Protein backbone atom coordinates (compact mmCIF):
# COMPACT_ATOMS: atom_id res chain seq x y z
CA MET A 1 124.83 112.16 134.84
CA ALA A 2 125.74 109.17 136.99
CA LYS A 3 124.39 109.33 140.49
CA LYS A 4 126.84 108.79 143.34
CA ILE A 5 126.30 106.26 146.10
CA LEU A 6 125.41 107.73 149.49
CA LYS A 7 128.21 107.53 152.08
CA GLY A 8 125.95 105.68 154.50
CA LEU A 9 125.31 102.98 151.90
CA LYS A 10 129.03 102.63 151.26
CA TRP A 11 129.62 102.22 155.02
CA THR A 12 126.81 99.67 155.18
CA PHE A 13 128.48 97.64 152.44
CA PHE A 14 131.83 97.90 154.22
CA LEU A 15 130.44 96.82 157.61
CA ASN A 16 128.48 94.03 155.94
CA PHE A 17 131.70 92.86 154.30
CA ILE A 18 133.65 92.84 157.59
CA VAL A 19 130.94 91.09 159.63
CA PHE A 20 130.22 88.48 156.97
CA VAL A 21 133.90 87.68 156.39
CA ILE A 22 134.49 87.13 160.11
CA VAL A 23 131.34 85.09 160.77
CA GLY A 24 131.52 83.28 157.42
CA ALA A 25 135.13 82.25 157.97
CA ILE A 26 134.36 81.01 161.48
CA LEU A 27 131.39 78.96 160.29
CA PHE A 28 133.17 77.64 157.21
CA PHE A 29 136.55 76.77 158.70
CA LEU A 30 135.96 76.11 162.40
CA VAL A 31 132.51 74.57 162.71
CA GLU A 32 132.20 71.00 161.46
CA ASP A 33 128.49 70.51 161.00
CA PHE A 34 125.73 71.72 158.70
CA THR A 35 126.59 75.40 159.28
CA ASP A 36 129.51 75.33 156.85
CA TRP A 37 127.01 75.95 153.99
CA PHE A 38 125.89 79.10 155.81
CA GLY A 39 129.53 80.17 156.12
CA LYS A 40 130.00 79.70 152.38
CA ALA A 41 126.91 81.80 151.67
CA LEU A 42 128.11 84.55 154.03
CA LEU A 43 131.51 84.62 152.32
CA GLY A 44 129.76 84.93 148.95
CA PHE A 45 127.65 87.84 150.14
CA ALA A 46 130.74 89.39 151.74
CA SER A 47 132.46 89.37 148.35
CA ALA A 48 129.40 91.04 146.78
CA SER A 49 129.49 93.72 149.50
CA PHE A 50 133.20 94.28 148.89
CA ILE A 51 132.61 94.74 145.15
CA ALA A 52 129.72 97.13 145.83
CA TRP A 53 131.79 99.07 148.38
CA GLN A 54 134.39 99.79 145.68
CA GLN A 55 131.84 101.21 143.23
CA THR A 56 130.86 104.87 143.04
CA GLU A 57 127.70 104.85 140.87
CA TRP A 58 124.24 103.91 142.12
CA GLU A 59 123.24 102.04 138.94
CA LYS A 60 126.19 99.67 139.35
CA VAL A 61 125.20 98.60 142.88
CA LYS A 62 121.42 98.83 142.74
CA ILE A 63 120.96 95.12 141.97
CA LEU A 64 123.38 94.23 144.80
CA VAL A 65 121.33 96.30 147.24
CA ILE A 66 118.17 94.46 146.16
CA MET A 67 120.02 91.16 146.51
CA GLN A 68 121.15 92.10 150.03
CA ILE A 69 117.61 93.11 150.99
CA VAL A 70 116.22 89.75 149.86
CA TRP A 71 119.05 87.84 151.57
CA HIS A 72 118.56 89.67 154.85
CA MET A 73 114.76 89.30 154.68
CA LEU A 74 115.15 85.54 154.30
CA GLY A 75 117.70 85.50 157.11
CA VAL A 76 115.48 87.45 159.50
CA TYR A 77 112.53 85.20 158.65
CA THR A 78 114.61 82.04 159.18
CA PHE A 79 116.18 83.13 162.48
CA PHE A 80 112.85 84.44 163.78
CA TRP A 81 111.07 81.20 162.80
CA TRP A 82 113.79 79.18 164.50
CA GLU A 83 113.41 81.22 167.69
CA ILE A 84 109.64 80.71 167.78
CA PHE A 85 109.44 76.99 167.01
CA TYR A 86 112.63 75.58 168.52
CA TRP A 87 112.51 76.60 172.18
CA GLN A 88 112.45 73.00 173.41
CA ASN A 89 115.74 71.64 174.76
CA ILE A 90 116.70 75.14 175.92
CA PHE A 91 119.53 73.93 178.15
CA ILE A 92 121.13 71.77 175.48
CA LEU A 93 120.82 74.39 172.75
CA LEU A 94 121.49 77.53 174.81
CA PRO A 95 124.73 78.50 172.96
CA VAL A 96 122.96 77.94 169.65
CA LYS A 97 120.01 80.04 170.78
CA ILE A 98 122.30 82.88 171.82
CA MET A 99 124.08 82.82 168.44
CA ASN A 100 120.72 82.70 166.67
CA LEU A 101 119.55 85.81 168.52
CA ILE A 102 122.78 87.60 167.61
CA TYR A 103 122.31 86.66 163.94
CA LEU A 104 118.68 87.80 164.14
CA PHE A 105 119.68 91.26 165.42
CA VAL A 106 122.61 91.63 162.99
CA PHE A 107 120.51 90.60 159.98
CA SER A 108 117.67 92.89 161.11
CA GLY A 109 120.06 95.83 161.40
CA PHE A 110 121.55 95.27 157.95
CA LEU A 111 118.07 94.73 156.49
CA ALA A 112 116.87 98.05 157.91
CA ALA A 113 119.98 99.87 156.68
CA PHE A 114 119.78 98.48 153.15
CA ILE A 115 116.05 99.29 152.89
CA VAL A 116 116.53 102.85 154.17
CA PHE A 117 119.42 103.56 151.81
CA TYR A 118 117.62 101.96 148.87
CA ILE A 119 114.64 104.27 149.44
CA LYS A 120 116.91 107.32 149.86
CA GLN A 121 118.88 106.51 146.70
CA GLU A 122 115.73 105.94 144.66
CA LYS A 123 114.17 109.20 145.90
CA GLU A 124 117.33 111.08 144.99
CA HIS A 125 117.50 109.33 141.62
CA THR A 126 113.85 110.20 140.87
CA THR A 127 114.39 113.82 141.91
CA LEU A 128 117.45 114.15 139.67
CA ARG A 129 115.62 112.54 136.76
CA ASP A 130 112.59 114.86 137.20
CA GLU A 131 114.83 117.94 137.31
CA SER A 132 116.68 116.93 134.16
CA GLU A 133 113.37 116.42 132.30
CA THR A 134 112.01 119.85 133.24
CA VAL A 135 115.09 121.81 132.11
CA PRO A 136 114.57 122.90 128.48
CA SER A 137 117.33 121.99 126.08
CA VAL A 138 119.45 124.56 124.27
CA GLN A 139 118.02 123.60 120.87
CA GLU A 140 114.46 124.37 121.97
CA ASN A 141 115.47 127.92 122.97
CA THR A 142 117.10 128.71 119.61
CA ASN A 143 114.00 127.97 117.52
């Protein structure tokens, strides 16, 4: 029996898609410096979230959840590292610092959501698997 995706996980994929399309498009099309690569990456992850959002079975999106967790972990680490080590030139870089803090909070929120739903889905999957193994089959009862 295929296990369904939790509604919260589907909403997380949908919100991730919307946020990453907006921010990715802005960085890719409107900013003309090194951040266009980040915009391209966000658009790629947005497309993965859109594909996952359309699915209904946990096994089909499990690898995408793991991929999102790794991506958001790296993002949180990078934005946090940038905040700690690049506080010089605060007045010149203030808009960049503000955007970095926003990215840090957004990535942290998505990271937490994907981890929580991954754990919930795996617990549910393990519970269903354990229940199906303990139910005796019809052939065993006839012998």
